[in-house]
């Protein structure tokens, strides 16, 4: 049994509701090169290392808003380009803030996420 006390109360897994699984997987693969573990037609786990960082969950209707998922990028301009090319809608162009820069976008299901960089 592994000791997970070092990860007590940290965010461990994020699920993103999607309206169309194949569209969502194509978008996230194209925008961020994500790979998925397939669990049938209604769920796909987002791969990371030897585990998963989260999943895409098929829903009939999607309520947007709530917590903002923020991804890190080593090249913010390249990430912005990839999100646009993959079909993401930029909702906030690149801005500076103390500690870095970021932009926000909506995925094909209407979920809003952000990408930031400290460079």
N, C-alpha and C. Protein backbone atom coordinates (compact mmCIF):
# COMPACT_ATOMS: atom_id res chain seq x y z
N UNK A 1 0.85 -1.18 0.00
CA UNK A 1 0.00 0.00 0.00
C UNK A 1 0.89 1.24 0.00
N UNK A 2 0.64 2.16 -0.92
CA UNK A 2 1.48 3.35 -1.01
C UNK A 2 1.00 4.43 -0.04
N UNK A 3 1.93 5.25 0.39
CA UNK A 3 1.60 6.35 1.29
C UNK A 3 1.26 7.58 0.45
N UNK A 4 -0.01 7.97 0.44
CA UNK A 4 -0.44 9.13 -0.34
C UNK A 4 -0.69 10.34 0.56
N UNK A 5 -0.14 10.33 1.78
CA UNK A 5 -0.39 11.43 2.70
C UNK A 5 0.15 12.75 2.15
N UNK A 6 1.19 12.68 1.31
CA UNK A 6 1.76 13.91 0.73
C UNK A 6 0.79 14.57 -0.24
N UNK A 7 -0.24 13.84 -0.70
CA UNK A 7 -1.18 14.41 -1.65
C UNK A 7 -2.57 14.64 -1.05
N UNK A 8 -2.65 14.59 0.27
CA UNK A 8 -3.92 14.80 0.96
C UNK A 8 -4.49 16.17 0.64
N UNK A 9 -5.70 16.20 0.13
CA UNK A 9 -6.47 17.40 -0.18
C UNK A 9 -5.96 18.20 -1.37
N UNK A 10 -5.06 17.66 -2.19
CA UNK A 10 -4.68 18.37 -3.41
C UNK A 10 -5.60 17.92 -4.55
N UNK A 11 -5.73 18.74 -5.56
CA UNK A 11 -6.54 18.35 -6.72
C UNK A 11 -5.83 17.18 -7.39
N UNK A 12 -6.57 16.10 -7.58
CA UNK A 12 -5.98 14.86 -8.07
C UNK A 12 -6.47 14.48 -9.47
N UNK A 13 -7.64 14.97 -9.86
CA UNK A 13 -8.26 14.50 -11.09
C UNK A 13 -9.30 15.52 -11.51
N UNK A 14 -9.35 15.88 -12.78
CA UNK A 14 -10.33 16.83 -13.28
C UNK A 14 -11.16 16.15 -14.36
N UNK A 15 -12.48 16.23 -14.26
CA UNK A 15 -13.35 15.72 -15.32
C UNK A 15 -13.94 16.89 -16.09
N UNK A 16 -13.90 16.76 -17.41
CA UNK A 16 -14.43 17.79 -18.30
C UNK A 16 -15.66 17.21 -18.99
N UNK A 17 -16.81 17.84 -18.82
CA UNK A 17 -18.03 17.40 -19.49
C UNK A 17 -17.94 17.77 -20.97
N UNK A 18 -18.34 16.83 -21.83
CA UNK A 18 -18.30 17.08 -23.28
C UNK A 18 -19.62 16.64 -23.90
N UNK A 19 -20.01 17.33 -24.96
CA UNK A 19 -21.26 17.02 -25.65
C UNK A 19 -21.07 15.99 -26.76
N UNK A 20 -19.87 15.90 -27.30
CA UNK A 20 -19.56 14.95 -28.36
C UNK A 20 -18.15 14.41 -28.10
N UNK A 21 -18.05 13.14 -27.75
CA UNK A 21 -16.77 12.56 -27.34
C UNK A 21 -15.73 12.63 -28.46
N UNK A 22 -16.09 12.27 -29.67
CA UNK A 22 -15.10 12.25 -30.75
C UNK A 22 -14.61 13.66 -31.08
N UNK A 23 -15.49 14.65 -31.06
CA UNK A 23 -15.09 16.04 -31.30
C UNK A 23 -14.17 16.51 -30.18
N UNK A 24 -14.51 16.20 -28.94
CA UNK A 24 -13.71 16.63 -27.80
C UNK A 24 -12.32 16.00 -27.84
N UNK A 25 -12.24 14.70 -28.11
CA UNK A 25 -10.93 14.04 -28.17
C UNK A 25 -10.09 14.62 -29.30
N UNK A 26 -10.70 14.84 -30.47
CA UNK A 26 -9.94 15.45 -31.59
C UNK A 26 -9.42 16.83 -31.20
N UNK A 27 -10.26 17.64 -30.54
CA UNK A 27 -9.85 18.98 -30.12
C UNK A 27 -8.66 18.92 -29.17
N UNK A 28 -8.77 18.16 -28.09
CA UNK A 28 -7.71 18.12 -27.08
C UNK A 28 -6.44 17.43 -27.60
N UNK A 29 -6.58 16.47 -28.49
CA UNK A 29 -5.40 15.87 -29.12
C UNK A 29 -4.68 16.90 -29.99
N UNK A 30 -5.44 17.65 -30.79
CA UNK A 30 -4.84 18.65 -31.69
C UNK A 30 -4.28 19.84 -30.92
N UNK A 31 -5.00 20.31 -29.92
CA UNK A 31 -4.58 21.51 -29.19
C UNK A 31 -3.43 21.24 -28.23
N UNK A 32 -3.45 20.10 -27.53
CA UNK A 32 -2.49 19.85 -26.45
C UNK A 32 -1.77 18.50 -26.54
N UNK A 33 -2.02 17.76 -27.61
CA UNK A 33 -1.40 16.44 -27.81
C UNK A 33 -1.77 15.45 -26.70
N UNK A 34 -2.94 15.61 -26.09
CA UNK A 34 -3.39 14.69 -25.07
C UNK A 34 -3.67 13.32 -25.68
N UNK A 35 -3.42 12.28 -24.91
CA UNK A 35 -3.75 10.91 -25.26
C UNK A 35 -4.76 10.41 -24.24
N UNK A 36 -5.55 9.41 -24.66
CA UNK A 36 -6.66 8.98 -23.82
C UNK A 36 -6.68 7.47 -23.58
N UNK A 37 -7.17 7.08 -22.42
CA UNK A 37 -7.53 5.70 -22.11
C UNK A 37 -9.02 5.59 -22.39
N UNK A 38 -9.39 4.63 -23.21
CA UNK A 38 -10.79 4.48 -23.62
C UNK A 38 -11.55 3.62 -22.61
N UNK A 39 -12.70 4.13 -22.17
CA UNK A 39 -13.57 3.40 -21.25
C UNK A 39 -14.99 3.34 -21.81
N UNK A 40 -15.13 3.00 -23.06
CA UNK A 40 -16.44 2.95 -23.70
C UNK A 40 -16.76 4.26 -24.39
N UNK A 41 -18.02 4.41 -24.77
CA UNK A 41 -18.43 5.58 -25.55
C UNK A 41 -18.62 6.84 -24.71
N UNK A 42 -18.76 6.70 -23.39
CA UNK A 42 -19.14 7.84 -22.55
C UNK A 42 -18.01 8.38 -21.68
N UNK A 43 -16.80 7.78 -21.76
CA UNK A 43 -15.72 8.26 -20.90
C UNK A 43 -14.37 7.97 -21.53
N UNK A 44 -13.47 8.94 -21.41
CA UNK A 44 -12.09 8.76 -21.86
C UNK A 44 -11.18 9.40 -20.82
N UNK A 45 -10.25 8.62 -20.28
CA UNK A 45 -9.30 9.13 -19.30
C UNK A 45 -8.16 9.87 -19.98
N UNK A 46 -7.74 10.99 -19.39
CA UNK A 46 -6.63 11.79 -19.92
C UNK A 46 -5.34 11.21 -19.36
N UNK A 47 -4.49 10.68 -20.22
CA UNK A 47 -3.26 10.04 -19.79
C UNK A 47 -2.23 11.04 -19.27
N UNK A 48 -1.49 10.63 -18.24
CA UNK A 48 -0.31 11.35 -17.76
C UNK A 48 0.63 10.33 -17.14
N UNK A 49 1.86 10.32 -17.57
CA UNK A 49 2.83 9.39 -16.99
C UNK A 49 2.28 7.99 -16.86
N UNK A 50 2.28 7.49 -15.64
CA UNK A 50 1.78 6.14 -15.41
C UNK A 50 0.35 6.13 -14.88
N UNK A 51 -0.35 7.23 -15.03
CA UNK A 51 -1.72 7.31 -14.53
C UNK A 51 -2.59 8.20 -15.40
N UNK A 52 -3.50 8.87 -14.76
CA UNK A 52 -4.41 9.78 -15.45
C UNK A 52 -4.51 11.10 -14.69
N UNK A 53 -4.67 12.18 -15.46
CA UNK A 53 -4.83 13.51 -14.89
C UNK A 53 -6.30 13.90 -14.77
N UNK A 54 -7.14 13.18 -15.51
CA UNK A 54 -8.55 13.50 -15.52
C UNK A 54 -9.25 12.71 -16.60
N UNK A 55 -10.43 13.20 -16.99
CA UNK A 55 -11.18 12.49 -18.01
C UNK A 55 -12.17 13.38 -18.72
N UNK A 56 -12.61 12.90 -19.87
CA UNK A 56 -13.69 13.53 -20.62
C UNK A 56 -14.93 12.68 -20.38
N UNK A 57 -16.01 13.32 -19.94
CA UNK A 57 -17.24 12.60 -19.60
C UNK A 57 -18.36 13.09 -20.50
N UNK A 58 -18.97 12.18 -21.26
CA UNK A 58 -20.05 12.51 -22.17
C UNK A 58 -21.31 12.86 -21.39
N UNK A 59 -21.90 14.01 -21.71
CA UNK A 59 -23.15 14.46 -21.09
C UNK A 59 -24.12 14.89 -22.18
N UNK A 60 -25.41 14.91 -21.87
CA UNK A 60 -26.42 15.33 -22.84
C UNK A 60 -26.51 16.84 -22.93
N UNK A 61 -26.37 17.52 -21.79
CA UNK A 61 -26.35 18.98 -21.77
C UNK A 61 -25.20 19.41 -20.88
N UNK A 62 -24.62 20.54 -21.18
CA UNK A 62 -23.45 20.99 -20.43
C UNK A 62 -23.73 22.36 -19.82
N UNK A 63 -23.52 22.48 -18.54
CA UNK A 63 -23.62 23.76 -17.85
C UNK A 63 -22.20 24.30 -17.74
N UNK A 64 -21.95 25.45 -18.32
CA UNK A 64 -20.61 26.01 -18.28
C UNK A 64 -20.47 26.94 -17.08
N UNK A 65 -19.24 27.29 -16.79
CA UNK A 65 -18.94 28.12 -15.63
C UNK A 65 -18.33 27.26 -14.55
N UNK A 66 -18.22 27.80 -13.38
CA UNK A 66 -17.61 27.05 -12.29
C UNK A 66 -16.11 27.26 -12.26
N UNK A 67 -15.38 26.34 -11.64
CA UNK A 67 -13.93 26.50 -11.51
C UNK A 67 -13.25 26.57 -12.88
N UNK A 68 -12.20 27.36 -12.96
CA UNK A 68 -11.44 27.52 -14.19
C UNK A 68 -10.24 26.58 -14.15
N UNK A 69 -10.18 25.64 -15.09
CA UNK A 69 -9.03 24.75 -15.23
C UNK A 69 -7.95 25.52 -15.98
N UNK A 70 -6.74 25.56 -15.41
CA UNK A 70 -5.64 26.32 -16.02
C UNK A 70 -4.49 25.37 -16.31
N UNK A 71 -4.10 25.33 -17.58
CA UNK A 71 -2.99 24.48 -18.03
C UNK A 71 -1.73 25.31 -18.11
N UNK A 72 -0.56 24.69 -17.97
CA UNK A 72 0.72 25.39 -18.08
C UNK A 72 1.30 25.15 -19.48
N UNK A 73 1.98 26.14 -20.03
CA UNK A 73 2.63 26.02 -21.33
C UNK A 73 4.04 26.58 -21.27
N UNK A 74 4.97 25.93 -21.94
CA UNK A 74 6.32 26.49 -22.04
C UNK A 74 6.42 27.47 -23.20
N UNK A 75 5.39 27.50 -24.09
CA UNK A 75 5.37 28.43 -25.22
C UNK A 75 3.93 28.88 -25.42
N UNK A 76 3.57 29.98 -24.79
CA UNK A 76 2.19 30.44 -24.75
C UNK A 76 1.66 30.77 -26.15
N UNK A 77 2.46 31.42 -26.98
CA UNK A 77 2.01 31.78 -28.32
C UNK A 77 1.73 30.53 -29.17
N UNK A 78 2.56 29.52 -29.03
CA UNK A 78 2.34 28.26 -29.75
C UNK A 78 1.08 27.57 -29.25
N UNK A 79 0.85 27.58 -27.95
CA UNK A 79 -0.37 26.99 -27.41
C UNK A 79 -1.60 27.73 -27.91
N UNK A 80 -1.53 29.05 -27.97
CA UNK A 80 -2.65 29.85 -28.49
C UNK A 80 -2.93 29.47 -29.94
N UNK A 81 -1.88 29.36 -30.74
CA UNK A 81 -2.03 28.99 -32.15
C UNK A 81 -2.68 27.61 -32.27
N UNK A 82 -2.23 26.65 -31.48
CA UNK A 82 -2.76 25.29 -31.55
C UNK A 82 -4.22 25.23 -31.13
N UNK A 83 -4.59 26.00 -30.09
CA UNK A 83 -5.99 26.03 -29.65
C UNK A 83 -6.87 26.59 -30.77
N UNK A 84 -6.43 27.68 -31.39
CA UNK A 84 -7.20 28.27 -32.49
C UNK A 84 -7.34 27.29 -33.65
N UNK A 85 -6.23 26.66 -34.05
CA UNK A 85 -6.25 25.72 -35.17
C UNK A 85 -7.11 24.49 -34.87
N UNK A 86 -7.19 24.10 -33.62
CA UNK A 86 -7.99 22.94 -33.23
C UNK A 86 -9.49 23.27 -33.16
N UNK A 87 -9.84 24.55 -33.25
CA UNK A 87 -11.23 24.95 -33.22
C UNK A 87 -11.69 25.58 -31.92
N UNK A 88 -10.75 25.89 -31.03
CA UNK A 88 -11.11 26.57 -29.78
C UNK A 88 -11.45 28.03 -30.03
N UNK A 89 -12.34 28.57 -29.23
CA UNK A 89 -12.73 29.97 -29.32
C UNK A 89 -12.00 30.75 -28.23
N UNK A 90 -11.17 31.70 -28.62
CA UNK A 90 -10.42 32.50 -27.65
C UNK A 90 -11.38 33.48 -26.99
N UNK A 91 -11.52 33.37 -25.67
CA UNK A 91 -12.42 34.26 -24.93
C UNK A 91 -11.67 35.40 -24.25
N UNK A 92 -10.36 35.23 -24.05
CA UNK A 92 -9.50 36.28 -23.49
C UNK A 92 -8.13 36.11 -24.11
N UNK A 93 -7.73 37.10 -24.91
CA UNK A 93 -6.42 37.02 -25.55
C UNK A 93 -5.32 37.12 -24.48
N UNK A 94 -4.09 36.91 -24.88
CA UNK A 94 -2.98 36.89 -23.94
C UNK A 94 -2.92 38.19 -23.13
N UNK A 95 -2.88 38.05 -21.83
CA UNK A 95 -2.72 39.18 -20.91
C UNK A 95 -1.56 38.87 -19.97
N UNK A 96 -1.00 39.93 -19.40
CA UNK A 96 0.05 39.77 -18.38
C UNK A 96 -0.58 39.89 -17.01
N UNK A 97 0.00 39.20 -16.05
CA UNK A 97 -0.40 39.31 -14.66
C UNK A 97 0.86 39.10 -13.82
N UNK A 98 0.84 39.47 -12.56
CA UNK A 98 2.04 39.26 -11.74
C UNK A 98 2.45 37.78 -11.77
N UNK A 99 3.61 37.50 -12.28
CA UNK A 99 4.09 36.12 -12.34
C UNK A 99 4.00 35.47 -13.70
N UNK A 100 3.36 36.10 -14.68
CA UNK A 100 3.29 35.46 -15.98
C UNK A 100 2.28 36.08 -16.92
N UNK A 101 1.85 35.26 -17.88
CA UNK A 101 0.86 35.66 -18.88
C UNK A 101 -0.08 34.49 -19.10
N UNK A 102 -1.28 34.78 -19.61
CA UNK A 102 -2.24 33.72 -19.88
C UNK A 102 -3.27 34.14 -20.91
N UNK A 103 -3.97 33.14 -21.46
CA UNK A 103 -5.15 33.37 -22.28
C UNK A 103 -6.22 32.38 -21.86
N UNK A 104 -7.47 32.65 -22.25
CA UNK A 104 -8.58 31.76 -21.95
C UNK A 104 -9.28 31.39 -23.24
N UNK A 105 -9.89 30.20 -23.27
CA UNK A 105 -10.58 29.73 -24.46
C UNK A 105 -11.76 28.86 -24.07
N UNK A 106 -12.66 28.66 -25.05
CA UNK A 106 -13.77 27.74 -24.90
C UNK A 106 -13.54 26.56 -25.84
N UNK A 107 -13.74 25.36 -25.31
CA UNK A 107 -13.61 24.16 -26.14
C UNK A 107 -14.91 23.94 -26.92
N UNK A 108 -14.99 22.93 -27.79
CA UNK A 108 -16.20 22.73 -28.59
C UNK A 108 -17.47 22.47 -27.79
N UNK A 109 -17.36 22.08 -26.53
CA UNK A 109 -18.54 21.87 -25.68
C UNK A 109 -18.90 23.11 -24.87
N UNK A 110 -18.13 24.20 -25.03
CA UNK A 110 -18.42 25.44 -24.32
C UNK A 110 -17.69 25.60 -23.00
N UNK A 111 -16.86 24.61 -22.61
CA UNK A 111 -16.10 24.73 -21.37
C UNK A 111 -15.01 25.78 -21.52
N UNK A 112 -14.84 26.62 -20.51
CA UNK A 112 -13.78 27.62 -20.54
C UNK A 112 -12.59 27.13 -19.73
N UNK A 113 -11.42 27.18 -20.35
CA UNK A 113 -10.16 26.81 -19.73
C UNK A 113 -9.18 27.94 -19.99
N UNK A 114 -8.03 27.89 -19.32
CA UNK A 114 -6.99 28.90 -19.54
C UNK A 114 -5.66 28.19 -19.70
N UNK A 115 -4.72 28.89 -20.30
CA UNK A 115 -3.35 28.41 -20.43
C UNK A 115 -2.45 29.55 -19.97
N UNK A 116 -1.47 29.23 -19.13
CA UNK A 116 -0.57 30.27 -18.62
C UNK A 116 0.88 29.87 -18.82
N UNK A 117 1.74 30.88 -18.73
CA UNK A 117 3.19 30.67 -18.81
C UNK A 117 3.86 31.70 -17.93
N UNK A 118 4.99 31.30 -17.34
CA UNK A 118 5.74 32.26 -16.52
C UNK A 118 6.80 32.96 -17.32
N UNK A 119 6.88 32.71 -18.61
CA UNK A 119 7.91 33.32 -19.46
C UNK A 119 7.35 34.44 -20.29
